[in-house]
Protein backbone atom coordinates (compact mmCIF):
# COMPACT_ATOMS: atom_id res chain seq x y z
CA UNK A 1 -21.13 15.51 9.99
CA UNK A 2 -21.46 11.71 9.96
CA UNK A 3 -24.45 9.86 8.52
CA UNK A 4 -24.71 6.09 9.15
CA UNK A 5 -20.97 5.84 9.52
CA UNK A 6 -20.16 7.70 6.29
CA UNK A 7 -19.05 11.29 6.01
CA UNK A 8 -21.23 13.52 3.85
CA UNK A 9 -18.28 13.84 1.49
CA UNK A 10 -17.96 10.05 1.37
CA UNK A 11 -21.63 9.63 0.50
CA UNK A 12 -21.41 12.13 -2.32
CA UNK A 13 -18.35 10.40 -3.66
CA UNK A 14 -20.02 7.02 -3.42
CA UNK A 15 -22.84 8.28 -5.63
CA UNK A 16 -20.40 9.36 -8.35
CA UNK A 17 -20.42 6.02 -10.13
CA UNK A 18 -19.13 5.54 -13.64
CA UNK A 19 -21.78 6.24 -16.30
CA UNK A 20 -21.59 2.66 -17.60
CA UNK A 21 -23.03 1.39 -14.30
CA UNK A 22 -26.44 3.00 -14.74
CA UNK A 23 -26.72 1.59 -18.26
CA UNK A 24 -26.01 -1.87 -16.84
CA UNK A 25 -28.84 -1.60 -14.32
CA UNK A 26 -31.27 -0.31 -16.95
CA UNK A 27 -30.58 -3.29 -19.19
CA UNK A 28 -30.74 -5.77 -16.34
CA UNK A 29 -27.12 -6.84 -16.81
CA UNK A 30 -25.15 -7.80 -13.69
CA UNK A 31 -22.89 -5.01 -12.41
CA UNK A 32 -19.55 -5.50 -10.69
CA UNK A 33 -19.22 -3.04 -7.82
CA UNK A 34 -15.87 -2.00 -6.36
CA UNK A 35 -15.68 0.07 -3.17
CA UNK A 36 -12.53 2.11 -2.52
CA UNK A 37 -12.28 2.61 1.24
CA UNK A 38 -9.41 4.85 2.31
CA UNK A 39 -8.23 8.14 3.77
CA UNK A 40 -9.69 10.90 1.62
CA UNK A 41 -9.05 13.82 3.96
CA UNK A 42 -6.52 12.97 6.69
CA UNK A 43 -2.80 12.54 7.22
CA UNK A 44 -2.47 9.71 4.67
CA UNK A 45 -4.57 11.30 1.92
CA UNK A 46 -1.70 11.74 -0.53
CA UNK A 47 -0.49 8.17 0.02
CA UNK A 48 -3.78 6.79 -1.27
CA UNK A 49 -6.90 8.95 -1.22
CA UNK A 50 -8.11 10.28 -4.57
CA UNK A 51 -4.97 8.92 -6.26
CA UNK A 52 -6.02 5.36 -5.48
CA UNK A 53 -9.49 6.08 -6.86
CA UNK A 54 -7.98 7.45 -10.08
CA UNK A 55 -5.94 4.27 -10.51
CA UNK A 56 -8.99 2.05 -9.95
CA UNK A 57 -10.96 4.02 -12.52
CA UNK A 58 -8.16 3.79 -15.07
CA UNK A 59 -8.19 -0.01 -14.78
CA UNK A 60 -11.97 -0.02 -15.23
CA UNK A 61 -11.67 2.29 -18.22
CA UNK A 62 -9.04 0.12 -19.90
CA UNK A 63 -10.67 -3.29 -19.40
CA UNK A 64 -14.44 -2.94 -18.87
CA UNK A 65 -15.55 -1.98 -22.38
CA UNK A 66 -13.08 -4.38 -24.00
CA UNK A 67 -14.43 -7.30 -21.96
CA UNK A 68 -18.08 -6.20 -22.04
CA UNK A 69 -18.28 -5.50 -18.29
CA UNK A 70 -20.52 -3.12 -16.41
CA UNK A 71 -18.57 -1.72 -13.43
CA UNK A 72 -19.44 0.75 -10.70
CA UNK A 73 -16.85 2.40 -8.44
CA UNK A 74 -17.89 3.66 -5.00
CA UNK A 75 -15.73 5.71 -2.62
CA UNK A 76 -15.83 6.33 1.14
CA UNK A 77 -13.56 8.13 3.61
CA UNK A 78 -12.99 6.04 6.75
CA UNK A 79 -11.41 9.02 8.59
CA UNK A 80 -8.82 6.66 10.08
CA UNK A 81 -11.51 5.15 12.33
CA UNK A 82 -12.09 1.37 12.34
CA UNK A 83 -15.76 1.78 13.32
CA UNK A 84 -16.43 4.11 10.39
CA UNK A 85 -14.51 1.89 7.98
CA UNK A 86 -16.22 -1.32 9.05
CA UNK A 87 -19.66 0.30 8.95
CA UNK A 88 -19.00 1.59 5.43
CA UNK A 89 -17.95 -1.88 4.23
CA UNK A 90 -20.94 -3.52 5.92
CA UNK A 91 -23.38 -1.14 4.24
CA UNK A 92 -21.70 -1.69 0.89
CA UNK A 93 -21.94 -5.46 1.22
CA UNK A 94 -25.46 -5.60 2.71
CA UNK A 95 -27.23 -2.71 0.99
CA UNK A 96 -25.32 -1.82 -2.18
CA UNK A 97 -24.22 -5.18 -3.52
CA UNK A 98 -20.53 -4.31 -3.52
CA UNK A 99 -18.31 -7.22 -4.57
CA UNK A 100 -14.85 -5.88 -3.64
CA UNK A 101 -13.71 -3.47 -0.93
CA UNK A 102 -10.13 -2.35 -1.32
CA UNK A 103 -7.16 -0.08 -0.56
CA UNK A 104 -7.68 0.69 3.22
CA UNK A 105 -4.56 2.68 4.37
CA UNK A 106 -5.11 1.38 7.89
CA UNK A 107 -4.19 -2.06 9.20
CA UNK A 108 -6.96 -2.29 11.80
CA UNK A 109 -9.58 -1.41 9.19
CA UNK A 110 -8.08 -3.84 6.68
CA UNK A 111 -8.16 -6.72 9.16
CA UNK A 112 -11.73 -5.93 10.19
CA UNK A 113 -12.99 -5.68 6.60
CA UNK A 114 -11.12 -8.85 5.63
CA UNK A 115 -13.00 -10.70 8.36
CA UNK A 116 -16.29 -9.22 7.18
CA UNK A 117 -15.54 -10.10 3.54
CA UNK A 118 -14.99 -13.72 4.57
CA UNK A 119 -18.26 -13.74 6.53
CA UNK A 120 -20.17 -12.29 3.54
CA UNK A 121 -18.17 -14.22 0.92
CA UNK A 122 -17.04 -11.03 -0.80
CA UNK A 123 -13.49 -9.85 -1.58
CA UNK A 124 -11.03 -7.64 0.33
CA UNK A 125 -7.96 -6.33 -1.53
CA UNK A 126 -5.28 -4.55 0.51
CA UNK A 127 -3.13 -2.22 -1.58
CA UNK A 128 -1.98 0.23 1.06
CA UNK A 129 -1.58 -1.79 4.27
CA UNK A 130 1.41 -2.94 6.30
CA UNK A 131 -0.17 -5.75 8.35
CA UNK A 132 1.52 -8.99 7.31
CA UNK A 133 -1.08 -10.86 9.41
CA UNK A 134 -3.45 -10.43 6.45
CA UNK A 135 -1.55 -13.27 4.80
CA UNK A 136 -0.34 -14.83 8.05
CA UNK A 137 -2.27 -15.76 11.15
CA UNK A 138 -5.38 -13.98 9.86
CA UNK A 139 -5.27 -15.09 6.24
CA UNK A 140 -8.53 -15.68 4.42
CA UNK A 141 -9.64 -17.24 1.13
CA UNK A 142 -11.36 -13.92 0.40
CA UNK A 143 -8.34 -11.61 0.87
CA UNK A 144 -5.46 -10.56 -1.38
CA UNK A 145 -2.54 -8.30 -0.40
CA UNK A 146 -0.66 -6.28 -3.03
CA UNK A 147 2.35 -3.90 -3.02
CA UNK A 148 4.05 -4.26 0.40
CA UNK A 149 3.79 -5.34 4.01
CA UNK A 150 5.95 -4.77 7.07
CA UNK A 151 7.91 -7.95 6.38
CA UNK A 152 8.86 -6.81 2.88
CA UNK A 153 9.84 -3.32 4.03
CA UNK A 154 11.96 -4.78 6.84
CA UNK A 155 13.66 -7.37 4.63
CA UNK A 156 14.51 -4.98 1.82
CA UNK A 157 15.54 -1.93 3.86
CA UNK A 158 16.91 -3.38 7.12
CA UNK A 159 18.84 -6.28 5.64
CA UNK A 160 20.43 -4.17 2.91
CA UNK A 161 21.59 -1.47 5.31
CA UNK A 162 23.30 -3.94 7.65
CA UNK A 163 25.02 -5.69 4.74
CA UNK A 164 26.35 -2.26 3.73
CA UNK A 165 27.95 -1.86 7.19
CA UNK A 166 25.23 0.21 8.81
CA UNK A 167 24.81 -2.24 11.67
CA UNK A 168 23.50 -0.17 14.60
CA UNK A 169 19.96 1.18 14.62
CA UNK A 170 17.68 3.47 16.61
CA UNK A 171 13.94 3.56 15.85
CA UNK A 172 11.40 6.37 16.04
CA UNK A 173 8.10 4.53 15.94
CA UNK A 174 4.43 5.42 15.55
CA UNK A 175 2.71 4.10 18.67
CA UNK A 176 0.10 1.84 17.10
CA UNK A 177 -0.01 -1.63 15.54
CA UNK A 178 1.55 -0.74 12.20
CA UNK A 179 4.50 1.11 13.75
CA UNK A 180 5.13 -1.64 16.29
CA UNK A 181 5.12 -4.32 13.59
CA UNK A 182 7.46 -2.33 11.36
CA UNK A 183 9.93 -1.74 14.19
CA UNK A 184 9.79 -5.36 15.34
CA UNK A 185 10.17 -6.82 11.85
CA UNK A 186 13.03 -4.51 10.90
CA UNK A 187 14.77 -5.05 14.23
CA UNK A 188 14.58 -8.80 13.72
CA UNK A 189 16.24 -8.55 10.31
CA UNK A 190 18.89 -6.16 11.62
CA UNK A 191 19.80 -8.62 14.38
CA UNK A 192 19.66 -11.61 12.05
CA UNK A 193 22.13 -9.88 9.75
CA UNK A 194 24.54 -9.29 12.66
CA UNK A 195 23.46 -5.77 13.62
CA UNK A 196 22.22 -4.27 16.90
CA UNK A 197 19.25 -2.16 17.94
CA UNK A 198 20.43 0.52 20.36
CA UNK A 199 17.03 1.88 21.33
CA UNK A 200 13.67 3.23 20.24
CA UNK A 201 11.09 5.89 21.06
CA UNK A 202 7.38 5.43 20.45
CA UNK A 203 5.42 8.54 19.52
CA UNK A 204 1.67 9.23 19.43
CA UNK A 205 0.17 9.44 15.95
CA UNK A 206 -0.11 11.92 14.39
CA UNK A 207 2.81 13.92 15.75
CA UNK A 208 4.44 17.23 14.90
CA UNK A 209 7.34 17.76 17.29
CA UNK A 210 10.04 15.08 17.00
CA UNK A 211 12.86 17.09 18.57
CA UNK A 212 13.16 14.96 21.71
CA UNK A 213 13.24 11.52 20.00
CA UNK A 214 15.62 12.82 17.34
CA UNK A 215 17.95 14.09 20.09
CA UNK A 216 17.87 10.66 21.72
CA UNK A 217 18.56 8.98 18.38
CA UNK A 218 21.48 11.34 17.82
CA UNK A 219 22.89 10.68 21.26
CA UNK A 220 22.66 6.92 20.72
CA UNK A 221 25.31 7.23 17.95
CA UNK A 222 23.43 4.61 15.96
CA UNK A 223 24.56 4.48 12.36
CA UNK A 224 20.94 4.39 11.14
CA UNK A 225 17.84 6.13 12.43
CA UNK A 226 14.86 4.12 11.24
CA UNK A 227 11.48 5.83 10.98
CA UNK A 228 8.84 3.18 11.70
CA UNK A 229 5.97 5.48 10.82
CA UNK A 230 4.34 6.81 7.66
CA UNK A 231 2.75 9.80 5.96
CA UNK A 232 3.16 13.21 7.53
CA UNK A 233 4.92 11.72 10.58
CA UNK A 234 7.78 10.44 8.43
CA UNK A 235 7.92 13.68 6.48
CA UNK A 236 8.10 15.71 9.70
CA UNK A 237 10.82 13.43 11.13
CA UNK A 238 12.98 13.87 8.05
CA UNK A 239 12.44 17.63 7.83
CA UNK A 240 13.41 18.07 11.47
CA UNK A 241 16.41 15.77 11.02
CA UNK A 242 17.61 18.10 8.27
CA UNK A 243 17.09 21.13 10.51
CA UNK A 244 19.20 19.50 13.24
CA UNK A 245 21.92 18.54 10.76
CA UNK A 246 21.80 14.88 11.75
CA UNK A 247 23.01 13.46 8.45
CA UNK A 248 25.91 15.92 8.37
CA UNK A 249 27.18 14.18 11.51
CA UNK A 250 27.30 10.86 9.70
CA UNK A 251 24.06 9.16 10.71
CA UNK A 252 21.89 7.71 7.96
CA UNK A 253 18.12 7.97 7.76
CA UNK A 254 15.94 5.06 6.66
CA UNK A 255 12.28 5.60 5.88
CA UNK A 256 10.73 2.20 6.52
CA UNK A 257 7.53 3.22 4.74
CA UNK A 258 8.25 6.07 2.38
CA UNK A 259 6.62 6.53 -0.99
CA UNK A 260 7.33 8.89 -3.81
CA UNK A 261 4.65 11.38 -2.79
CA UNK A 262 6.45 11.71 0.57
CA UNK A 263 9.72 12.51 -1.22
CA UNK A 264 7.89 15.11 -3.30
CA UNK A 265 6.48 16.69 -0.12
CA UNK A 266 9.94 16.80 1.43
CA UNK A 267 11.69 18.11 -1.70
CA UNK A 268 14.71 16.32 -3.11
CA UNK A 269 17.28 18.51 -1.37
CA UNK A 270 15.97 17.54 2.06
CA UNK A 271 15.43 13.89 1.14
CA UNK A 272 18.67 13.22 -0.76
CA UNK A 273 20.50 10.13 0.42
CA UNK A 274 17.47 8.52 2.05
CA UNK A 275 17.02 4.82 1.40
CA UNK A 276 13.60 3.26 1.01
CA UNK A 277 11.82 0.23 -0.39
CA UNK A 278 9.07 0.37 -3.00
CA UNK A 279 7.71 -2.27 -5.35
CA UNK A 280 6.98 0.23 -8.13
CA UNK A 281 8.65 3.35 -9.55
CA UNK A 282 7.18 5.21 -12.48
CA UNK A 283 10.57 5.63 -14.24
CA UNK A 284 11.77 2.05 -13.79
CA UNK A 285 11.28 0.81 -17.37
CA UNK A 286 9.30 1.42 -20.56
CA UNK A 287 6.16 -0.27 -19.21
CA UNK A 288 6.09 1.76 -15.99
CA UNK A 289 6.71 4.96 -17.95
CA UNK A 290 3.83 4.11 -20.29
CA UNK A 291 1.55 3.51 -17.32
CA UNK A 292 2.64 6.83 -15.77
CA UNK A 293 1.71 8.66 -18.98
CA UNK A 294 -1.76 7.12 -18.93
CA UNK A 295 -2.53 7.81 -15.26
CA UNK A 296 -0.81 11.22 -15.14
CA UNK A 297 -3.73 13.36 -16.40
CA UNK A 298 -6.17 11.85 -13.88
CA UNK A 299 -3.71 12.65 -11.06
CA UNK A 300 -2.91 16.16 -12.19
CA UNK A 301 0.61 15.22 -13.23
CA UNK A 302 1.42 13.61 -9.85
CA UNK A 303 3.24 10.29 -10.16
CA UNK A 304 1.57 7.31 -8.44
CA UNK A 305 3.24 5.49 -5.58
CA UNK A 306 3.38 1.70 -5.25
CA UNK A 307 0.09 1.52 -3.33
CA UNK A 308 -1.89 3.62 -5.78
CA UNK A 309 -0.41 1.72 -8.71
CA UNK A 310 -1.34 -1.55 -6.96
CA UNK A 311 -4.97 -0.40 -7.00
CA UNK A 312 -4.73 -0.32 -10.80
CA UNK A 313 -2.98 -3.69 -11.03
CA UNK A 314 -5.33 -5.49 -8.64
CA UNK A 315 -8.52 -4.20 -10.27
CA UNK A 316 -7.17 -5.07 -13.71
CA UNK A 317 -6.56 -8.67 -12.62
CA UNK A 318 -9.91 -8.90 -10.84
CA UNK A 319 -11.84 -7.66 -13.88
CA UNK A 320 -9.98 -9.97 -16.26
CA UNK A 321 -10.82 -12.88 -13.97
CA UNK A 322 -14.47 -11.87 -13.64
CA UNK A 323 -14.78 -11.64 -17.42
CA UNK A 324 -13.33 -15.12 -17.83
CA UNK A 325 -15.61 -16.60 -15.16
CA UNK A 326 -18.69 -14.68 -16.22
CA UNK A 327 -19.96 -11.81 -14.13
CA UNK A 328 -22.83 -13.71 -12.50
CA UNK A 329 -20.47 -16.49 -11.42
CA UNK A 330 -17.84 -14.00 -10.17
CA UNK A 331 -20.48 -12.26 -8.07
CA UNK A 332 -21.75 -15.54 -6.63
CA UNK A 333 -18.70 -16.22 -4.43
CA UNK A 334 -15.79 -13.99 -3.49
CA UNK A 335 -13.71 -16.97 -2.37
CA UNK A 336 -14.21 -18.74 -5.70
CA UNK A 337 -13.23 -15.60 -7.59
CA UNK A 338 -10.10 -15.15 -5.47
CA UNK A 339 -9.19 -18.79 -6.07
CA UNK A 340 -9.48 -18.22 -9.82
CA UNK A 341 -7.36 -15.06 -9.50
CA UNK A 342 -4.68 -17.08 -7.71
CA UNK A 343 -4.72 -19.73 -10.43
CA UNK A 344 -3.60 -17.21 -13.05
CA UNK A 345 -0.47 -15.04 -12.78
CA UNK A 346 -1.20 -11.33 -12.94
CA UNK A 347 0.37 -9.35 -15.78
CA UNK A 348 0.38 -5.55 -15.93
CA UNK A 349 2.53 -2.49 -16.64
CA UNK A 350 3.01 -1.79 -12.93
CA UNK A 351 4.67 -4.94 -11.60
CA UNK A 352 5.13 -6.94 -14.77
CA UNK A 353 4.32 -10.55 -13.90
CA UNK A 354 3.11 -11.30 -10.37
CA UNK A 355 2.22 -14.56 -8.65
CA UNK A 356 -0.73 -14.77 -6.27
CA UNK A 357 0.28 -17.14 -3.51
CA UNK A 358 -2.24 -19.41 -1.79
CA UNK A 359 -2.13 -17.33 1.44
CA UNK A 360 -3.22 -14.24 -0.53
CA UNK A 361 0.22 -12.60 -0.71
CA UNK A 362 0.92 -11.18 -4.17
CA UNK A 363 4.58 -11.73 -5.06
CA UNK A 364 6.55 -9.36 -7.26
CA UNK A 365 10.01 -7.85 -7.33
CA UNK A 366 10.77 -5.21 -4.68
CA UNK A 367 13.39 -2.49 -5.00
CA UNK A 368 15.76 -0.67 -2.70
CA UNK A 369 16.10 2.94 -3.84
CA UNK A 370 18.22 5.87 -2.76
CA UNK A 371 16.95 9.41 -3.25
CA UNK A 372 19.07 11.30 -5.74
CA UNK A 373 20.99 14.46 -5.02
CA UNK A 374 19.46 17.53 -6.71
CA UNK A 375 22.34 17.59 -9.20
CA UNK A 376 21.45 14.05 -10.33
CA UNK A 377 17.75 14.70 -10.95
CA UNK A 378 16.57 15.52 -14.47
CA UNK A 379 13.39 17.22 -13.25
CA UNK A 380 10.15 16.82 -11.25
CA UNK A 381 9.50 13.28 -9.99
CA UNK A 382 12.96 12.04 -11.11
CA UNK A 383 13.87 11.15 -7.55
CA UNK A 384 15.21 7.60 -7.28
CA UNK A 385 18.29 5.70 -8.22
CA UNK A 386 18.11 1.93 -8.02
CA UNK A 387 20.33 0.30 -5.40
CA UNK A 388 19.04 -3.27 -5.61
CA UNK A 389 16.26 -5.32 -7.18
CA UNK A 390 15.16 -7.97 -4.70
CA UNK A 391 13.43 -11.04 -6.19
CA UNK A 392 10.01 -11.97 -4.81
CA UNK A 393 11.18 -15.05 -2.93
CA UNK A 394 13.69 -12.91 -1.00
CA UNK A 395 11.56 -9.79 -0.61
CA UNK A 396 8.50 -11.42 0.96
CA UNK A 397 8.09 -13.73 3.92
CA UNK A 398 8.14 -17.44 3.00
CA UNK A 399 4.75 -19.12 3.06
CA UNK A 400 5.80 -21.56 5.80
CA UNK A 401 6.75 -18.75 8.18
CA UNK A 402 3.52 -16.77 8.10
CA UNK A 403 1.28 -18.99 10.21
CA UNK A 404 -1.49 -19.18 7.61
CA UNK A 405 -3.52 -22.35 8.21
CA UNK A 406 -5.99 -21.82 5.38
CA UNK A 407 -6.49 -24.90 3.21
CA UNK A 408 -4.59 -24.85 -0.05
CA UNK A 409 -6.30 -23.05 -2.88
CA UNK A 410 -7.99 -25.23 -5.47
């Protein structure tokens, strides 16, 4: 049942603020309010959902008391519907004094909320969104984009495959804006690297039966079948590929947006040999392993993906910045706070050191991984072997190519 654009579940979750928030109101101290707007119950739930909320709350827990901040975290389920998502953000901004709305898991919702954040002079932080327009033609002084976008996924996965000799592609694509952008961006990089796109099939989202497009991909004899979709659609494509024995016939599978929770859902035997791009892996180094140990209990032992970890990293940087500015000043203008965030490199256990570019794109190293064979894995969540580390300036679209006309920060 919907109430004013929120689900009942979303309203209950929104009321579950951190205890420190009520103390802040009682003492008259200004409270920073962060709204996590994502898929709490649908096909993308495990890609963000409660895991993103847990990562936000860990960042608050680690920095708020140390810096003397009062912070409230609100949560809403947008149900994958732009109208519900935009209404939730509007109510948060207008009625609840929310300063930051973040995560999203839906490009249309992210773009709509980014526009609203600019209108209201609040902040939008995309952690789980593919739309590169957020830092391109629709960039805003109030928006930041962490973790990935379709350009990064295409550059890291498509370019690397062609350089390895896998120069013919067939795409199975989710028939909405994200899927189209991912196919188009990857196809452009395949062609630029000397490869060819032999065909594509666009499928309604969400889908369950991919037999017909997989048969067409098989008949194309393309060396790589690229899945320009996400969540359960990608998982179903890969499972059905295994059932049809596609990889045994020599074709490779490339998940253009796959995250570690998807590999876990597939199981390593089914997913072995897949290539994918992520900007974070829990077992990458000592700092990422330390972060994984801290967030693990809140996620029931599940390892975070790059998007969920980006929720931690972005909130950490936001709260550090707000503390330095002073909470009242940080609340006064979202654009001014974002400008201050851009002026200082971010540093955290997720990405290490990141630069916040003037168009709102957060730059960090991206990685091409291959899923291990079962015999190579040491246990649960030990799924990836590193193929390549791609430096930020190669992984993300150059500033001059994005079409952002926003005046330079500062």
